[in-house]
Amino acid sequence: MKLDVLYFAWLRERIGHPKDRIETDAETVADLVEELRGREERYAVAFADISALRVALDQDLSDFDARLDGVREVAFFPPMTGG
């Protein structure tokens, strides 16, 4: 499946760009993260601690164990704070 993968805040800074269009066989978000970590060092650094990240699938907050069936967009970002 093809996915748009978006990176926000410090993830975008560490990876060096805001978005990837990828072809993947990942079944879950966690599988996708493992695949991204294996791409190159900057991805491994960005995804070293997923407890510091949140994920949205097609603009709905989700979990890392969520399935990617039918998903078109995955967005990774740090936790949001109010203020």
C-alpha atoms as a PDB file:
ATOM      1  CA  MET A   1       0.000   0.000   0.000  1.00  0.00           C
ATOM      2  CA  LYS A   2       1.049   3.592  -0.546  1.00  0.00           C
ATOM      3  CA  LEU A   3       1.034   5.975   2.397  1.00  0.00           C
ATOM      4  CA  ASP A   4       1.739   9.623   2.971  1.00  0.00           C
ATOM      5  CA  VAL A   5       3.823   9.843   6.144  1.00  0.00           C
ATOM      6  CA  LEU A   6       3.980  13.286   7.752  1.00  0.00           C
ATOM      7  CA  TYR A   7       6.474  14.491  10.353  1.00  0.00           C
ATOM      8  CA  PHE A   8       5.900  17.461  12.640  1.00  0.00           C
ATOM      9  CA  ALA A   9       7.984  19.586  15.025  1.00  0.00           C
ATOM     10  CA  TRP A  10      11.338  18.054  16.049  1.00  0.00           C
ATOM     11  CA  LEU A  11      10.690  14.899  14.004  1.00  0.00           C
ATOM     12  CA  ARG A  12      10.645  16.992  10.836  1.00  0.00           C
ATOM     13  CA  GLU A  13      13.869  18.674  11.951  1.00  0.00           C
ATOM     14  CA  ARG A  14      15.631  15.364  12.646  1.00  0.00           C
ATOM     15  CA  ILE A  15      14.456  13.680   9.456  1.00  0.00           C
ATOM     16  CA  GLY A  16      15.058  16.759   7.328  1.00  0.00           C
ATOM     17  CA  HIS A  17      11.749  17.014   5.482  1.00  0.00           C
ATOM     18  CA  PRO A  18       8.028  17.140   6.340  1.00  0.00           C
ATOM     19  CA  LYS A  19       6.662  14.231   4.342  1.00  0.00           C
ATOM     20  CA  ASP A  20       7.409  10.915   2.652  1.00  0.00           C
ATOM     21  CA  ARG A  21       5.285   9.028   0.143  1.00  0.00           C
ATOM     22  CA  ILE A  22       6.123   5.374   0.730  1.00  0.00           C
ATOM     23  CA  GLU A  23       5.186   1.911  -0.434  1.00  0.00           C
ATOM     24  CA  THR A  24       4.892  -0.442   2.543  1.00  0.00           C
ATOM     25  CA  ASP A  25       3.667  -3.865   3.607  1.00  0.00           C
ATOM     26  CA  ALA A  26       3.457  -2.782   7.267  1.00  0.00           C
ATOM     27  CA  GLU A  27       0.335  -4.062   8.997  1.00  0.00           C
ATOM     28  CA  THR A  28       0.428  -1.765  12.041  1.00  0.00           C
ATOM     29  CA  VAL A  29       1.831   1.620  12.962  1.00  0.00           C
ATOM     30  CA  ALA A  30       4.501  -0.143  15.031  1.00  0.00           C
ATOM     31  CA  ASP A  31       5.517  -2.161  11.945  1.00  0.00           C
ATOM     32  CA  LEU A  32       5.750   1.069   9.965  1.00  0.00           C
ATOM     33  CA  VAL A  33       7.953   2.657  12.637  1.00  0.00           C
ATOM     34  CA  GLU A  34      10.329  -0.326  12.486  1.00  0.00           C
ATOM     35  CA  GLU A  35      10.469  -0.003   8.707  1.00  0.00           C
ATOM     36  CA  LEU A  36      11.191   3.729   8.946  1.00  0.00           C
ATOM     37  CA  ARG A  37      13.911   3.170  11.574  1.00  0.00           C
ATOM     38  CA  GLY A  38      15.661   0.875   9.114  1.00  0.00           C
ATOM     39  CA  ARG A  39      15.718   3.435   6.299  1.00  0.00           C
ATOM     40  CA  GLU A  40      18.719   5.408   7.550  1.00  0.00           C
ATOM     41  CA  GLU A  41      20.281   6.892  10.671  1.00  0.00           C
ATOM     42  CA  ARG A  42      18.209  10.083  10.806  1.00  0.00           C
ATOM     43  CA  TYR A  43      14.996   8.025  10.931  1.00  0.00           C
ATOM     44  CA  ALA A  44      16.474   5.743  13.598  1.00  0.00           C
ATOM     45  CA  VAL A  45      17.282   8.810  15.708  1.00  0.00           C
ATOM     46  CA  ALA A  46      13.854  10.388  15.166  1.00  0.00           C
ATOM     47  CA  PHE A  47      12.012   7.196  16.132  1.00  0.00           C
ATOM     48  CA  ALA A  48      14.372   6.046  18.905  1.00  0.00           C
ATOM     49  CA  ASP A  49      11.793   6.671  21.657  1.00  0.00           C
ATOM     50  CA  ILE A  50       8.227   6.271  20.446  1.00  0.00           C
ATOM     51  CA  SER A  51       6.912   6.946  23.962  1.00  0.00           C
ATOM     52  CA  ALA A  52       7.709  10.590  23.128  1.00  0.00           C
ATOM     53  CA  LEU A  53       5.488  10.487  20.028  1.00  0.00           C
ATOM     54  CA  ARG A  54       1.835  10.498  19.081  1.00  0.00           C
ATOM     55  CA  VAL A  55       0.321   9.248  15.850  1.00  0.00           C
ATOM     56  CA  ALA A  56      -2.735  10.124  13.784  1.00  0.00           C
ATOM     57  CA  LEU A  57      -4.206   7.968  11.033  1.00  0.00           C
ATOM     58  CA  ASP A  58      -6.118   9.939   8.420  1.00  0.00           C
ATOM     59  CA  GLN A  59      -6.176  12.850  10.904  1.00  0.00           C
ATOM     60  CA  ASP A  60      -7.628  10.833  13.820  1.00  0.00           C
ATOM     61  CA  LEU A  61      -5.496  10.211  16.910  1.00  0.00           C
ATOM     62  CA  SER A  62      -4.556   6.569  17.180  1.00  0.00           C
ATOM     63  CA  ASP A  63      -2.215   4.071  18.837  1.00  0.00           C
ATOM     64  CA  PHE A  64       0.970   2.397  17.669  1.00  0.00           C
ATOM     65  CA  ASP A  65      -0.754  -0.990  17.629  1.00  0.00           C
ATOM     66  CA  ALA A  66      -3.441   0.265  15.219  1.00  0.00           C
ATOM     67  CA  ARG A  67      -3.804  -1.515  11.898  1.00  0.00           C
ATOM     68  CA  LEU A  68      -3.053   0.369   8.685  1.00  0.00           C
ATOM     69  CA  ASP A  69      -5.782  -1.274   6.576  1.00  0.00           C
ATOM     70  CA  GLY A  70      -7.341   1.415   4.378  1.00  0.00           C
ATOM     71  CA  VAL A  71      -5.205   4.219   5.848  1.00  0.00           C
ATOM     72  CA  ARG A  72      -3.875   6.836   3.423  1.00  0.00           C
ATOM     73  CA  GLU A  73      -2.033   9.202   5.788  1.00  0.00           C
ATOM     74  CA  VAL A  74       0.047   8.636   8.926  1.00  0.00           C
ATOM     75  CA  ALA A  75       1.226  11.653  10.913  1.00  0.00           C
ATOM     76  CA  PHE A  76       3.821  11.553  13.699  1.00  0.00           C
ATOM     77  CA  PHE A  77       4.207  14.396  16.205  1.00  0.00           C
ATOM     78  CA  PRO A  78       5.234  15.074  19.803  1.00  0.00           C
ATOM     79  CA  PRO A  79       2.520  15.274  22.488  1.00  0.00           C
ATOM     80  CA  MET A  80       0.545  18.473  22.408  1.00  0.00           C
ATOM     81  CA  THR A  81       0.155  20.693  25.447  1.00  0.00           C
ATOM     82  CA  GLY A  82      -2.508  23.232  26.154  1.00  0.00           C
ATOM     83  CA  GLY A  83      -1.989  26.803  27.091  1.00  0.00           C
END
